[in-house]
Amino acid sequence: MSEPLVVTVPGERMGLIRMGRATAMVLSNAVAAVLGDYVLVDETANHIQVPVVIHRISYTVFSGLTTDDALACGHAYLHELEAALRKENPHLEPESPVTIFQWTLAREAA
């Protein structure tokens, strides 16, 4: 069995993940991804880690994100998800590629 892949997550997102409000994450800088075991690590506090199992990966463009994507990421509205992504990457254009990771918490997948 291989080691889980590590993904660094902004602190404000980690709160949503740890509370179980987020079951997905949109990244603008992921070009290739694989299904399987991951560990989400808080970028501001390395000791905060959440093991997950990525069960779906999809690709779209920034303007192709939906309200369902926002809800899965723990946001009530699409504009909140868009604002969070722009905060992380202010250079996002409508046609900028994004990757959507959907997961189950590892403790629930077992």
Protein backbone atom coordinates (compact mmCIF):
# COMPACT_ATOMS: atom_id res chain seq x y z
CA MET A 1 0.00 0.00 0.00
CA SER A 2 1.41 3.37 -0.97
CA GLU A 3 1.63 6.47 1.16
CA PRO A 4 -1.27 8.93 0.88
CA LEU A 5 -0.73 12.03 -1.22
CA VAL A 6 -0.54 15.30 0.69
CA VAL A 7 -2.48 18.41 -0.32
CA THR A 8 -1.91 21.68 1.53
CA VAL A 9 -5.17 23.49 2.23
CA PRO A 10 -5.70 27.15 3.25
CA GLY A 11 -6.66 27.46 6.90
CA GLU A 12 -10.11 28.92 6.22
CA ARG A 13 -10.99 25.90 4.07
CA MET A 14 -9.67 23.46 6.66
CA GLY A 15 -12.29 24.59 9.16
CA LEU A 16 -15.08 23.64 6.74
CA ILE A 17 -13.41 20.29 6.06
CA ARG A 18 -12.92 19.42 9.71
CA MET A 19 -16.56 20.30 10.50
CA GLY A 20 -17.72 18.02 7.68
CA ARG A 21 -19.35 20.91 5.79
CA ALA A 22 -17.01 20.44 2.81
CA THR A 23 -16.88 17.18 0.86
CA ALA A 24 -15.11 18.68 -2.13
CA MET A 25 -12.43 21.19 -2.97
CA VAL A 26 -11.74 23.19 -6.11
CA LEU A 27 -8.11 23.83 -6.97
CA SER A 28 -6.91 26.10 -9.74
CA ASN A 29 -3.34 24.84 -9.76
CA ALA A 30 -3.82 21.06 -10.05
CA VAL A 31 -3.04 19.77 -13.53
CA ALA A 32 -3.14 16.03 -12.86
CA ALA A 33 -4.72 14.08 -10.05
CA VAL A 34 -5.37 10.49 -9.07
CA LEU A 35 -8.09 8.80 -7.06
CA GLY A 36 -7.17 7.31 -3.71
CA ASP A 37 -5.88 8.19 -0.27
CA TYR A 38 -4.93 11.78 0.50
CA VAL A 39 -4.09 13.77 3.61
CA LEU A 40 -5.35 17.35 3.68
CA VAL A 41 -2.94 19.48 5.71
CA ASP A 42 -3.65 22.96 7.06
CA GLU A 43 -1.08 25.34 5.51
CA THR A 44 -0.86 27.41 8.68
CA ALA A 45 -0.78 24.51 11.16
CA ASN A 46 0.89 21.33 9.88
CA HIS A 47 -0.38 19.33 12.83
CA ILE A 48 -3.98 19.72 11.61
CA GLN A 49 -4.49 16.91 9.12
CA VAL A 50 -7.58 15.22 7.72
CA PRO A 51 -7.23 11.84 5.94
CA VAL A 52 -9.67 11.48 3.03
CA VAL A 53 -10.34 9.12 0.15
CA ILE A 54 -10.74 10.95 -3.16
CA HIS A 55 -13.45 9.11 -5.07
CA ARG A 56 -14.15 11.58 -7.90
CA ILE A 57 -12.06 14.08 -9.81
CA SER A 58 -13.53 16.35 -12.44
CA TYR A 59 -12.17 19.14 -14.58
CA THR A 60 -13.90 22.29 -15.73
CA VAL A 61 -13.20 25.99 -16.17
CA PHE A 62 -13.70 28.69 -13.54
CA SER A 63 -16.88 29.95 -15.23
CA GLY A 64 -18.21 26.37 -15.36
CA LEU A 65 -18.45 26.00 -11.59
CA THR A 66 -21.98 25.54 -10.26
CA THR A 67 -23.96 26.13 -7.09
CA ASP A 68 -23.70 22.37 -6.41
CA ASP A 69 -19.91 22.71 -6.52
CA ALA A 70 -20.11 25.59 -4.04
CA LEU A 71 -22.34 23.61 -1.69
CA ALA A 72 -20.00 20.60 -1.81
CA CYS A 73 -17.11 22.93 -0.95
CA GLY A 74 -18.98 24.24 2.10
CA HIS A 75 -20.19 27.54 0.67
CA ALA A 76 -23.83 28.57 0.62
CA TYR A 77 -23.54 30.42 -2.70
CA LEU A 78 -21.51 30.16 -5.89
CA HIS A 79 -20.20 33.72 -5.51
CA GLU A 80 -18.68 32.73 -2.14
CA LEU A 81 -16.73 29.89 -3.77
CA GLU A 82 -15.63 32.19 -6.59
CA ALA A 83 -14.46 34.81 -4.07
CA ALA A 84 -12.51 32.21 -2.09
CA LEU A 85 -10.78 30.96 -5.25
CA ARG A 86 -9.99 34.51 -6.38
CA LYS A 87 -8.50 35.23 -2.96
CA GLU A 88 -6.11 32.31 -3.48
CA ASN A 89 -5.47 33.09 -7.15
CA PRO A 90 -6.43 36.64 -8.21
CA HIS A 91 -5.42 35.90 -11.81
CA LEU A 92 -8.28 33.48 -12.48
CA GLU A 93 -10.06 34.14 -15.75
CA PRO A 94 -13.45 32.69 -16.78
CA GLU A 95 -11.66 30.09 -18.93
CA SER A 96 -9.00 29.18 -16.34
CA PRO A 97 -8.98 25.41 -15.75
CA VAL A 98 -9.94 24.12 -12.29
CA THR A 99 -9.98 20.66 -10.76
CA ILE A 100 -12.72 19.47 -8.41
CA PHE A 101 -11.78 16.81 -5.86
CA GLN A 102 -14.64 15.02 -4.09
CA TRP A 103 -13.96 12.85 -1.07
CA THR A 104 -15.16 10.78 1.81
CA LEU A 105 -13.43 11.10 5.16
CA ALA A 106 -11.08 8.13 5.54
CA ARG A 107 -12.70 7.07 8.83
CA GLU A 108 -16.07 6.87 7.04
CA ALA A 109 -14.69 5.03 4.00
CA ALA A 110 -13.28 2.16 6.05
